[in-house]
Amino acid sequence: MIINGKEISLKVKDEVKQEVERLNEHGKRVPTLAVILVGRNPASMTYVKNKEIGCRYVGIGSIKIEMSEQTTQEELLKQIYTLNADNTVDGILVQLPLPAHIDEKTVIEAIDPKKDVDGFHPVNIANLFLGKEGLLPCTPYGMMVMLESIGYDLEGKEVVVVGRSNIVGKPVALLALSKSATVTIAHSRTKNLKEVCQKADVLIAAVGVAKMFDDSYIKAGAVVLDVGMNRDENNKLCGDVDFEKCKNKAQAITPVPGGVGPMTIAMLLHNTLKAYKLRENIE
């Protein structure tokens, strides 16, 4: 089975759209997402454009704040504090990566945790760790929704996450653990990585190396979630998993593109609505 991220993400967006329409019908203001873009990184500009398109589709308000590459850290923090204090803004996202002279950690920590729709603030990560209500990181959250959409229950399953980033690897491991999976976090220093991966009922590849995982890494009938976004030898988009070699051995697998990627923006929109509802005390 190919897990179609485009179809699943559209379903999530349609659910958000219906809720926003209900808010409109009851005369309430709609949720609003503010995105800050520092500099002119082409990939970042594309991501921000896609977020704007997503907001338009679901009916969420969208504010784009463009700042120059030379923007100081203090100027960026001042802009964040302004948005923190704005009661008409429900979600704040600072597009990463930032220019080298700006400290990413300081910027993330400056965002009000209740408006942190990326789910990166230490308060939201702590809530995830403790199993408390909070805003979840979008890509890991999207992967859990993908598994639910194919009716896959993680309880008692062996999950191997290859990658230990704060954005994907660690949070998705915690989410799988919260579903009663047995979780192994592997990485570049893991000994006998292939053998570790071969034990996985669910293999999550998040290392950023094109086609690193071929069919020798997965056991027959495993579910494979590929977070990678790379370019192959022909400059075509590909994941960390060699899709053609693995698709017939896996029970279910995500393609690249069209797999995990579309889920990230869908969950961002979901998080913006959730942040709005939490702030407005709406069930």
C-alpha atoms as a PDB file:
ATOM      1  CA  MET A   1       0.000   0.000   0.000  1.00  0.00           C
ATOM      2  CA  ILE A   2       1.239   3.472  -0.891  1.00  0.00           C
ATOM      3  CA  ILE A   3       0.260   5.942   1.852  1.00  0.00           C
ATOM      4  CA  ASN A   4      -0.981   8.974  -0.069  1.00  0.00           C
ATOM      5  CA  GLY A   5      -0.057  12.087   1.901  1.00  0.00           C
ATOM      6  CA  LYS A   6      -1.846  14.372  -0.544  1.00  0.00           C
ATOM      7  CA  GLU A   7      -5.190  12.633   0.028  1.00  0.00           C
ATOM      8  CA  ILE A   8      -4.800  12.394   3.812  1.00  0.00           C
ATOM      9  CA  SER A   9      -3.656  16.023   4.124  1.00  0.00           C
ATOM     10  CA  LEU A  10      -6.657  17.163   2.059  1.00  0.00           C
ATOM     11  CA  LYS A  11      -8.963  15.347   4.467  1.00  0.00           C
ATOM     12  CA  VAL A  12      -7.317  17.135   7.431  1.00  0.00           C
ATOM     13  CA  LYS A  13      -7.605  20.493   5.652  1.00  0.00           C
ATOM     14  CA  ASP A  14     -11.254  19.870   4.793  1.00  0.00           C
ATOM     15  CA  GLU A  15     -11.981  19.145   8.470  1.00  0.00           C
ATOM     16  CA  VAL A  16     -10.310  22.446   9.440  1.00  0.00           C
ATOM     17  CA  LYS A  17     -12.218  24.236   6.673  1.00  0.00           C
ATOM     18  CA  GLN A  18     -15.561  22.933   7.977  1.00  0.00           C
ATOM     19  CA  GLU A  19     -14.771  24.092  11.515  1.00  0.00           C
ATOM     20  CA  VAL A  20     -13.742  27.547  10.289  1.00  0.00           C
ATOM     21  CA  GLU A  21     -16.988  27.771   8.294  1.00  0.00           C
ATOM     22  CA  ARG A  22     -18.944  26.950  11.470  1.00  0.00           C
ATOM     23  CA  LEU A  23     -17.124  29.735  13.310  1.00  0.00           C
ATOM     24  CA  ASN A  24     -18.098  32.119  10.517  1.00  0.00           C
ATOM     25  CA  GLU A  25     -21.725  31.004  10.705  1.00  0.00           C
ATOM     26  CA  HIS A  26     -21.766  31.791  14.436  1.00  0.00           C
ATOM     27  CA  GLY A  27     -20.352  35.258  13.843  1.00  0.00           C
ATOM     28  CA  LYS A  28     -16.981  34.542  15.453  1.00  0.00           C
ATOM     29  CA  ARG A  29     -13.658  35.834  14.153  1.00  0.00           C
ATOM     30  CA  VAL A  30     -11.616  33.311  12.198  1.00  0.00           C
ATOM     31  CA  PRO A  31      -8.240  31.970  13.389  1.00  0.00           C
ATOM     32  CA  THR A  32      -5.209  33.858  12.086  1.00  0.00           C
ATOM     33  CA  LEU A  33      -1.675  32.654  11.363  1.00  0.00           C
ATOM     34  CA  ALA A  34       1.275  35.056  11.199  1.00  0.00           C
ATOM     35  CA  VAL A  35       4.389  33.905   9.324  1.00  0.00           C
ATOM     36  CA  ILE A  36       7.703  35.744   9.559  1.00  0.00           C
ATOM     37  CA  LEU A  37      10.161  35.288   6.696  1.00  0.00           C
ATOM     38  CA  VAL A  38      13.690  36.645   7.186  1.00  0.00           C
ATOM     39  CA  GLY A  39      15.686  36.931   3.965  1.00  0.00           C
ATOM     40  CA  ARG A  40      14.991  35.528   0.495  1.00  0.00           C
ATOM     41  CA  ASN A  41      15.883  31.835   0.778  1.00  0.00           C
ATOM     42  CA  PRO A  42      14.127  30.309  -2.286  1.00  0.00           C
ATOM     43  CA  ALA A  43      13.030  27.120  -0.469  1.00  0.00           C
ATOM     44  CA  SER A  44      11.706  29.158   2.456  1.00  0.00           C
ATOM     45  CA  MET A  45       9.813  31.462   0.088  1.00  0.00           C
ATOM     46  CA  THR A  46       8.166  28.408  -1.508  1.00  0.00           C
ATOM     47  CA  TYR A  47       7.195  26.978   1.890  1.00  0.00           C
ATOM     48  CA  VAL A  48       5.691  30.293   2.978  1.00  0.00           C
ATOM     49  CA  LYS A  49       3.736  30.580  -0.274  1.00  0.00           C
ATOM     50  CA  ASN A  50       2.332  27.067   0.241  1.00  0.00           C
ATOM     51  CA  LYS A  51       1.300  28.007   3.776  1.00  0.00           C
ATOM     52  CA  GLU A  52      -0.538  31.060   2.417  1.00  0.00           C
ATOM     53  CA  ILE A  53      -2.335  28.861  -0.125  1.00  0.00           C
ATOM     54  CA  GLY A  54      -3.277  26.453   2.667  1.00  0.00           C
ATOM     55  CA  CYS A  55      -4.659  29.274   4.814  1.00  0.00           C
ATOM     56  CA  ARG A  56      -6.753  30.546   1.918  1.00  0.00           C
ATOM     57  CA  TYR A  57      -8.138  27.067   1.259  1.00  0.00           C
ATOM     58  CA  VAL A  58      -9.349  26.501   4.821  1.00  0.00           C
ATOM     59  CA  GLY A  59     -10.432  30.105   5.436  1.00  0.00           C
ATOM     60  CA  ILE A  60      -7.818  30.941   8.072  1.00  0.00           C
ATOM     61  CA  GLY A  61      -6.498  34.515   8.170  1.00  0.00           C
ATOM     62  CA  SER A  62      -2.914  34.857   6.975  1.00  0.00           C
ATOM     63  CA  ILE A  63      -0.348  37.538   7.797  1.00  0.00           C
ATOM     64  CA  LYS A  64       3.046  37.465   6.084  1.00  0.00           C
ATOM     65  CA  ILE A  65       5.813  39.602   7.534  1.00  0.00           C
ATOM     66  CA  GLU A  66       8.888  39.808   5.329  1.00  0.00           C
ATOM     67  CA  MET A  67      12.126  41.042   6.886  1.00  0.00           C
ATOM     68  CA  SER A  68      15.482  41.601   5.205  1.00  0.00           C
ATOM     69  CA  GLU A  69      18.508  39.320   5.470  1.00  0.00           C
ATOM     70  CA  GLN A  70      20.190  42.100   7.495  1.00  0.00           C
ATOM     71  CA  THR A  71      17.451  42.126  10.154  1.00  0.00           C
ATOM     72  CA  THR A  72      19.025  42.025  13.624  1.00  0.00           C
ATOM     73  CA  GLN A  73      18.026  39.472  16.223  1.00  0.00           C
ATOM     74  CA  GLU A  74      16.638  42.300  18.374  1.00  0.00           C
ATOM     75  CA  GLU A  75      14.424  43.532  15.521  1.00  0.00           C
ATOM     76  CA  LEU A  76      13.087  40.023  14.933  1.00  0.00           C
ATOM     77  CA  LEU A  77      12.402  39.494  18.649  1.00  0.00           C
ATOM     78  CA  LYS A  78      10.576  42.831  18.799  1.00  0.00           C
ATOM     79  CA  GLN A  79       8.329  41.691  15.920  1.00  0.00           C
ATOM     80  CA  ILE A  80       7.603  38.403  17.725  1.00  0.00           C
ATOM     81  CA  TYR A  81       6.713  40.233  20.963  1.00  0.00           C
ATOM     82  CA  THR A  82       4.306  42.438  18.996  1.00  0.00           C
ATOM     83  CA  LEU A  83       2.566  39.351  17.586  1.00  0.00           C
ATOM     84  CA  ASN A  84       2.539  37.694  21.026  1.00  0.00           C
ATOM     85  CA  ALA A  85       0.573  40.681  22.334  1.00  0.00           C
ATOM     86  CA  ASP A  86      -1.842  40.825  19.368  1.00  0.00           C
ATOM     87  CA  ASN A  87      -5.125  39.165  20.399  1.00  0.00           C
ATOM     88  CA  THR A  88      -6.179  38.734  16.760  1.00  0.00           C
ATOM     89  CA  VAL A  89      -3.167  36.480  16.025  1.00  0.00           C
ATOM     90  CA  ASP A  90      -3.512  32.830  17.108  1.00  0.00           C
ATOM     91  CA  GLY A  91      -0.455  31.224  15.532  1.00  0.00           C
ATOM     92  CA  ILE A  92       3.083  32.509  15.019  1.00  0.00           C
ATOM     93  CA  LEU A  93       5.600  30.776  12.782  1.00  0.00           C
ATOM     94  CA  VAL A  94       9.142  31.956  12.082  1.00  0.00           C
ATOM     95  CA  GLN A  95      10.301  30.256   8.896  1.00  0.00           C
ATOM     96  CA  LEU A  96      13.545  28.351   9.356  1.00  0.00           C
ATOM     97  CA  PRO A  97      16.429  28.406   8.625  1.00  0.00           C
ATOM     98  CA  LEU A  98      17.329  31.884   9.837  1.00  0.00           C
ATOM     99  CA  PRO A  99      20.396  33.897   8.764  1.00  0.00           C
ATOM    100  CA  ALA A 100      23.561  32.788  10.590  1.00  0.00           C
ATOM    101  CA  HIS A 101      23.739  35.881  12.832  1.00  0.00           C
ATOM    102  CA  ILE A 102      20.345  35.081  14.444  1.00  0.00           C
ATOM    103  CA  ASP A 103      20.113  32.410  17.155  1.00  0.00           C
ATOM    104  CA  GLU A 104      17.314  29.973  16.274  1.00  0.00           C
ATOM    105  CA  LYS A 105      16.877  28.751  19.859  1.00  0.00           C
ATOM    106  CA  THR A 106      16.412  32.283  21.225  1.00  0.00           C
ATOM    107  CA  VAL A 107      13.851  33.075  18.535  1.00  0.00           C
ATOM    108  CA  ILE A 108      11.809  29.893  19.116  1.00  0.00           C
ATOM    109  CA  GLU A 109      11.780  30.501  22.869  1.00  0.00           C
ATOM    110  CA  ALA A 110      10.528  34.084  22.321  1.00  0.00           C
ATOM    111  CA  ILE A 111       7.250  32.852  20.766  1.00  0.00           C
ATOM    112  CA  ASP A 112       4.284  32.567  23.136  1.00  0.00           C
ATOM    113  CA  PRO A 113       3.927  28.757  23.665  1.00  0.00           C
ATOM    114  CA  LYS A 114       0.154  29.129  23.190  1.00  0.00           C
ATOM    115  CA  LYS A 115       0.812  30.547  19.704  1.00  0.00           C
ATOM    116  CA  ASP A 116       3.692  28.206  18.813  1.00  0.00           C
ATOM    117  CA  VAL A 117       1.953  26.328  15.985  1.00  0.00           C
ATOM    118  CA  ASP A 118       5.228  24.684  14.901  1.00  0.00           C
ATOM    119  CA  GLY A 119       5.280  22.943  18.282  1.00  0.00           C
ATOM    120  CA  PHE A 120       8.991  23.699  18.827  1.00  0.00           C
ATOM    121  CA  HIS A 121       8.832  25.770  22.038  1.00  0.00           C
ATOM    122  CA  PRO A 122      10.337  24.022  25.103  1.00  0.00           C
ATOM    123  CA  VAL A 123       6.965  24.285  26.885  1.00  0.00           C
ATOM    124  CA  ASN A 124       5.217  22.368  24.079  1.00  0.00           C
ATOM    125  CA  ILE A 125       8.027  19.803  23.893  1.00  0.00           C
ATOM    126  CA  ALA A 126       7.730  19.345  27.688  1.00  0.00           C
ATOM    127  CA  ASN A 127       3.958  18.899  27.336  1.00  0.00           C
ATOM    128  CA  LEU A 128       4.590  16.218  24.709  1.00  0.00           C
ATOM    129  CA  PHE A 129       7.094  14.491  27.005  1.00  0.00           C
ATOM    130  CA  LEU A 130       4.655  14.590  29.935  1.00  0.00           C
ATOM    131  CA  GLY A 131       1.612  13.614  27.869  1.00  0.00           C
ATOM    132  CA  LYS A 132      -0.117  16.931  28.568  1.00  0.00           C
ATOM    133  CA  GLU A 133      -2.273  19.073  26.259  1.00  0.00           C
ATOM    134  CA  GLY A 134      -0.191  21.226  23.936  1.00  0.00           C
ATOM    135  CA  LEU A 135       0.699  22.015  20.340  1.00  0.00           C
ATOM    136  CA  LEU A 136       2.509  19.106  18.669  1.00  0.00           C
ATOM    137  CA  PRO A 137       5.337  19.410  16.098  1.00  0.00           C
ATOM    138  CA  CYS A 138       3.657  19.289  12.692  1.00  0.00           C
ATOM    139  CA  THR A 139       5.647  16.636  10.813  1.00  0.00           C
ATOM    140  CA  PRO A 140       5.653  14.003  13.605  1.00  0.00           C
ATOM    141  CA  TYR A 141       1.969  14.721  14.302  1.00  0.00           C
ATOM    142  CA  GLY A 142       1.240  14.277  10.586  1.00  0.00           C
ATOM    143  CA  MET A 143       2.901  10.855  10.602  1.00  0.00           C
ATOM    144  CA  MET A 144       0.664   9.708  13.462  1.00  0.00           C
ATOM    145  CA  VAL A 145      -2.385  10.869  11.492  1.00  0.00           C
ATOM    146  CA  MET A 146      -1.129   8.931   8.445  1.00  0.00           C
ATOM    147  CA  LEU A 147      -0.885   5.719  10.479  1.00  0.00           C
ATOM    148  CA  GLU A 148      -4.368   6.292  11.901  1.00  0.00           C
ATOM    149  CA  SER A 149      -5.726   6.877   8.405  1.00  0.00           C
ATOM    150  CA  ILE A 150      -4.644   3.398   7.273  1.00  0.00           C
ATOM    151  CA  GLY A 151      -5.980   1.849  10.489  1.00  0.00           C
ATOM    152  CA  TYR A 152      -2.538   0.953  11.828  1.00  0.00           C
ATOM    153  CA  ASP A 153      -2.396   0.487  15.611  1.00  0.00           C
ATOM    154  CA  LEU A 154       1.035   1.127  17.153  1.00  0.00           C
ATOM    155  CA  GLU A 155       0.283  -0.652  20.413  1.00  0.00           C
ATOM    156  CA  GLY A 156       2.956  -3.285  21.079  1.00  0.00           C
ATOM    157  CA  LYS A 157       4.702  -2.634  17.745  1.00  0.00           C
ATOM    158  CA  GLU A 158       8.455  -2.196  17.308  1.00  0.00           C
ATOM    159  CA  VAL A 159       9.132   1.305  15.983  1.00  0.00           C
ATOM    160  CA  VAL A 160      12.616   2.294  14.839  1.00  0.00           C
ATOM    161  CA  VAL A 161      13.267   6.000  14.267  1.00  0.00           C
ATOM    162  CA  VAL A 162      16.494   6.728  12.391  1.00  0.00           C
ATOM    163  CA  GLY A 163      17.292  10.353  13.182  1.00  0.00           C
ATOM    164  CA  ARG A 164      17.405  12.245  16.474  1.00  0.00           C
ATOM    165  CA  SER A 165      16.570  15.827  15.523  1.00  0.00           C
ATOM    166  CA  ASN A 166      14.452  18.010  17.806  1.00  0.00           C
ATOM    167  CA  ILE A 167      12.082  18.683  14.895  1.00  0.00           C
ATOM    168  CA  VAL A 168      11.320  15.108  13.788  1.00  0.00           C
ATOM    169  CA  GLY A 169      13.262  12.247  15.373  1.00  0.00           C
ATOM    170  CA  LYS A 170      12.785  12.884  19.098  1.00  0.00           C
ATOM    171  CA  PRO A 171       9.156  14.094  18.944  1.00  0.00           C
ATOM    172  CA  VAL A 172       7.953  11.258  16.691  1.00  0.00           C
ATOM    173  CA  ALA A 173       9.599   8.766  19.061  1.00  0.00           C
ATOM    174  CA  LEU A 174       7.665  10.304  21.984  1.00  0.00           C
ATOM    175  CA  LEU A 175       4.408  10.218  20.013  1.00  0.00           C
ATOM    176  CA  ALA A 176       4.923   6.547  19.121  1.00  0.00           C
ATOM    177  CA  LEU A 177       5.701   5.824  22.782  1.00  0.00           C
ATOM    178  CA  SER A 178       2.452   7.544  23.781  1.00  0.00           C
ATOM    179  CA  LYS A 179       0.663   5.034  21.516  1.00  0.00           C
ATOM    180  CA  SER A 180       2.232   2.155  23.507  1.00  0.00           C
ATOM    181  CA  ALA A 181       4.828   1.246  20.873  1.00  0.00           C
ATOM    182  CA  THR A 182       8.284  -0.056  21.782  1.00  0.00           C
ATOM    183  CA  VAL A 183      10.600   2.606  20.397  1.00  0.00           C
ATOM    184  CA  THR A 184      14.256   2.580  19.353  1.00  0.00           C
ATOM    185  CA  ILE A 185      15.977   5.814  18.313  1.00  0.00           C
ATOM    186  CA  ALA A 186      18.888   5.093  15.966  1.00  0.00           C
ATOM    187  CA  HIS A 187      21.307   7.543  14.358  1.00  0.00           C
ATOM    188  CA  SER A 188      24.643   7.913  12.553  1.00  0.00           C
ATOM    189  CA  ARG A 189      26.588   6.410  15.479  1.00  0.00           C
ATOM    190  CA  THR A 190      24.320   3.370  15.907  1.00  0.00           C
ATOM    191  CA  LYS A 191      26.204   0.099  15.593  1.00  0.00           C
ATOM    192  CA  ASN A 192      24.705  -2.557  13.293  1.00  0.00           C
ATOM    193  CA  LEU A 193      22.132  -0.059  12.004  1.00  0.00           C
ATOM    194  CA  LYS A 194      20.829  -2.436   9.343  1.00  0.00           C
ATOM    195  CA  GLU A 195      20.108  -5.144  11.919  1.00  0.00           C
ATOM    196  CA  VAL A 196      18.351  -2.620  14.166  1.00  0.00           C
ATOM    197  CA  CYS A 197      16.139  -1.477  11.262  1.00  0.00           C
ATOM    198  CA  GLN A 198      15.311  -5.062  10.269  1.00  0.00           C
ATOM    199  CA  LYS A 199      13.491  -5.536  13.602  1.00  0.00           C
ATOM    200  CA  ALA A 200      11.103  -2.654  12.937  1.00  0.00           C
ATOM    201  CA  ASP A 201       7.373  -3.113  12.401  1.00  0.00           C
ATOM    202  CA  VAL A 202       7.460   0.608  11.597  1.00  0.00           C
ATOM    203  CA  LEU A 203      10.613   2.220  10.199  1.00  0.00           C
ATOM    204  CA  ILE A 204      10.785   6.031  10.255  1.00  0.00           C
ATOM    205  CA  ALA A 205      13.638   7.359   8.114  1.00  0.00           C
ATOM    206  CA  ALA A 206      14.721  10.907   8.949  1.00  0.00           C
ATOM    207  CA  VAL A 207      18.436  11.245   8.220  1.00  0.00           C
ATOM    208  CA  GLY A 208      18.568  13.403   5.080  1.00  0.00           C
ATOM    209  CA  VAL A 209      20.626  10.971   2.963  1.00  0.00           C
ATOM    210  CA  ALA A 210      19.200  10.157  -0.462  1.00  0.00           C
ATOM    211  CA  LYS A 211      18.038   6.526  -0.861  1.00  0.00           C
ATOM    212  CA  MET A 212      20.091   5.365   2.127  1.00  0.00           C
ATOM    213  CA  PHE A 213      17.601   2.634   3.026  1.00  0.00           C
ATOM    214  CA  ASP A 214      17.094  -0.138   0.494  1.00  0.00           C
ATOM    215  CA  ASP A 215      15.063  -3.340   0.933  1.00  0.00           C
ATOM    216  CA  SER A 216      17.849  -4.975   2.959  1.00  0.00           C
ATOM    217  CA  TYR A 217      17.042  -2.589   5.837  1.00  0.00           C
ATOM    218  CA  ILE A 218      13.363  -3.491   6.160  1.00  0.00           C
ATOM    219  CA  LYS A 219      11.598  -6.663   7.144  1.00  0.00           C
ATOM    220  CA  ALA A 220       8.782  -8.025   5.017  1.00  0.00           C
ATOM    221  CA  GLY A 221       5.469  -6.428   5.932  1.00  0.00           C
ATOM    222  CA  ALA A 222       6.948  -3.393   7.688  1.00  0.00           C
ATOM    223  CA  VAL A 223       5.405   0.070   7.455  1.00  0.00           C
ATOM    224  CA  VAL A 224       7.917   2.644   6.157  1.00  0.00           C
ATOM    225  CA  LEU A 225       7.543   6.380   6.739  1.00  0.00           C
ATOM    226  CA  ASP A 226      10.070   8.450   4.792  1.00  0.00           C
ATOM    227  CA  VAL A 227      10.708  11.983   6.073  1.00  0.00           C
ATOM    228  CA  GLY A 228      13.661  12.669   3.760  1.00  0.00           C
ATOM    229  CA  MET A 229      13.593  15.321   1.046  1.00  0.00           C
ATOM    230  CA  ASN A 230      16.669  14.994  -1.128  1.00  0.00           C
ATOM    231  CA  ARG A 231      17.827  15.096  -4.747  1.00  0.00           C
ATOM    232  CA  ASP A 232      19.027  11.928  -6.472  1.00  0.00           C
ATOM    233  CA  GLU A 233      21.753  11.532  -9.100  1.00  0.00           C
ATOM    234  CA  ASN A 234      19.289  12.789 -11.761  1.00  0.00           C
ATOM    235  CA  ASN A 235      18.350  15.827  -9.620  1.00  0.00           C
ATOM    236  CA  LYS A 236      14.894  14.368  -8.951  1.00  0.00           C
ATOM    237  CA  LEU A 237      13.239  14.665  -5.549  1.00  0.00           C
ATOM    238  CA  CYS A 238      13.641  11.524  -3.490  1.00  0.00           C
ATOM    239  CA  GLY A 239      13.522  10.409   0.110  1.00  0.00           C
ATOM    240  CA  ASP A 240      15.890   8.646   2.484  1.00  0.00           C
ATOM    241  CA  VAL A 241      14.287   5.349   1.391  1.00  0.00           C
ATOM    242  CA  ASP A 242      14.845   3.759  -2.012  1.00  0.00           C
ATOM    243  CA  PHE A 243      11.136   3.650  -2.828  1.00  0.00           C
ATOM    244  CA  GLU A 244      11.357   1.381  -5.896  1.00  0.00           C
ATOM    245  CA  LYS A 245      13.401  -1.232  -4.045  1.00  0.00           C
ATOM    246  CA  CYS A 246      11.238  -1.179  -0.905  1.00  0.00           C
ATOM    247  CA  LYS A 247       7.663  -0.720  -2.141  1.00  0.00           C
ATOM    248  CA  ASN A 248       6.990  -4.411  -2.780  1.00  0.00           C
ATOM    249  CA  LYS A 249       8.534  -5.603   0.485  1.00  0.00           C
ATOM    250  CA  ALA A 250       6.758  -3.121   2.748  1.00  0.00           C
ATOM    251  CA  GLN A 251       3.155  -3.502   3.913  1.00  0.00           C
ATOM    252  CA  ALA A 252       2.738   0.256   3.474  1.00  0.00           C
ATOM    253  CA  ILE A 253       5.133   3.025   2.447  1.00  0.00           C
ATOM    254  CA  THR A 254       5.135   6.787   1.911  1.00  0.00           C
ATOM    255  CA  PRO A 255       6.428   8.144  -1.415  1.00  0.00           C
ATOM    256  CA  VAL A 256       8.595  11.247  -1.888  1.00  0.00           C
ATOM    257  CA  PRO A 257       7.199  13.603  -2.987  1.00  0.00           C
ATOM    258  CA  GLY A 258       3.542  13.227  -1.987  1.00  0.00           C
ATOM    259  CA  GLY A 259       3.996  11.384   1.300  1.00  0.00           C
ATOM    260  CA  VAL A 260       4.882  12.960   4.641  1.00  0.00           C
ATOM    261  CA  GLY A 261       5.559  16.418   3.129  1.00  0.00           C
ATOM    262  CA  PRO A 262       1.946  17.528   2.483  1.00  0.00           C
ATOM    263  CA  MET A 263       1.001  16.533   6.050  1.00  0.00           C
ATOM    264  CA  THR A 264       3.238  19.207   7.586  1.00  0.00           C
ATOM    265  CA  ILE A 265       1.205  22.161   6.288  1.00  0.00           C
ATOM    266  CA  ALA A 266      -2.085  20.369   6.981  1.00  0.00           C
ATOM    267  CA  MET A 267      -1.092  19.872  10.632  1.00  0.00           C
ATOM    268  CA  LEU A 268       0.109  23.491  10.827  1.00  0.00           C
ATOM    269  CA  LEU A 269      -3.397  24.620   9.847  1.00  0.00           C
ATOM    270  CA  HIS A 270      -4.878  22.132  12.329  1.00  0.00           C
ATOM    271  CA  ASN A 271      -2.578  23.542  15.050  1.00  0.00           C
ATOM    272  CA  THR A 272      -3.601  27.124  14.238  1.00  0.00           C
ATOM    273  CA  LEU A 273      -7.247  26.203  14.696  1.00  0.00           C
ATOM    274  CA  LYS A 274      -6.405  24.321  17.905  1.00  0.00           C
ATOM    275  CA  ALA A 275      -4.412  27.284  19.287  1.00  0.00           C
ATOM    276  CA  TYR A 276      -7.371  29.550  18.510  1.00  0.00           C
ATOM    277  CA  LYS A 277      -9.827  27.215  20.266  1.00  0.00           C
ATOM    278  CA  LEU A 278      -7.604  26.865  23.333  1.00  0.00           C
ATOM    279  CA  ARG A 279      -7.204  30.656  23.602  1.00  0.00           C
ATOM    280  CA  GLU A 280     -10.914  31.292  23.058  1.00  0.00           C
ATOM    281  CA  ASN A 281     -12.041  28.387  25.307  1.00  0.00           C
ATOM    282  CA  ILE A 282     -13.993  26.787  22.457  1.00  0.00           C
ATOM    283  CA  GLU A 283     -14.574  23.020  22.521  1.00  0.00           C
END
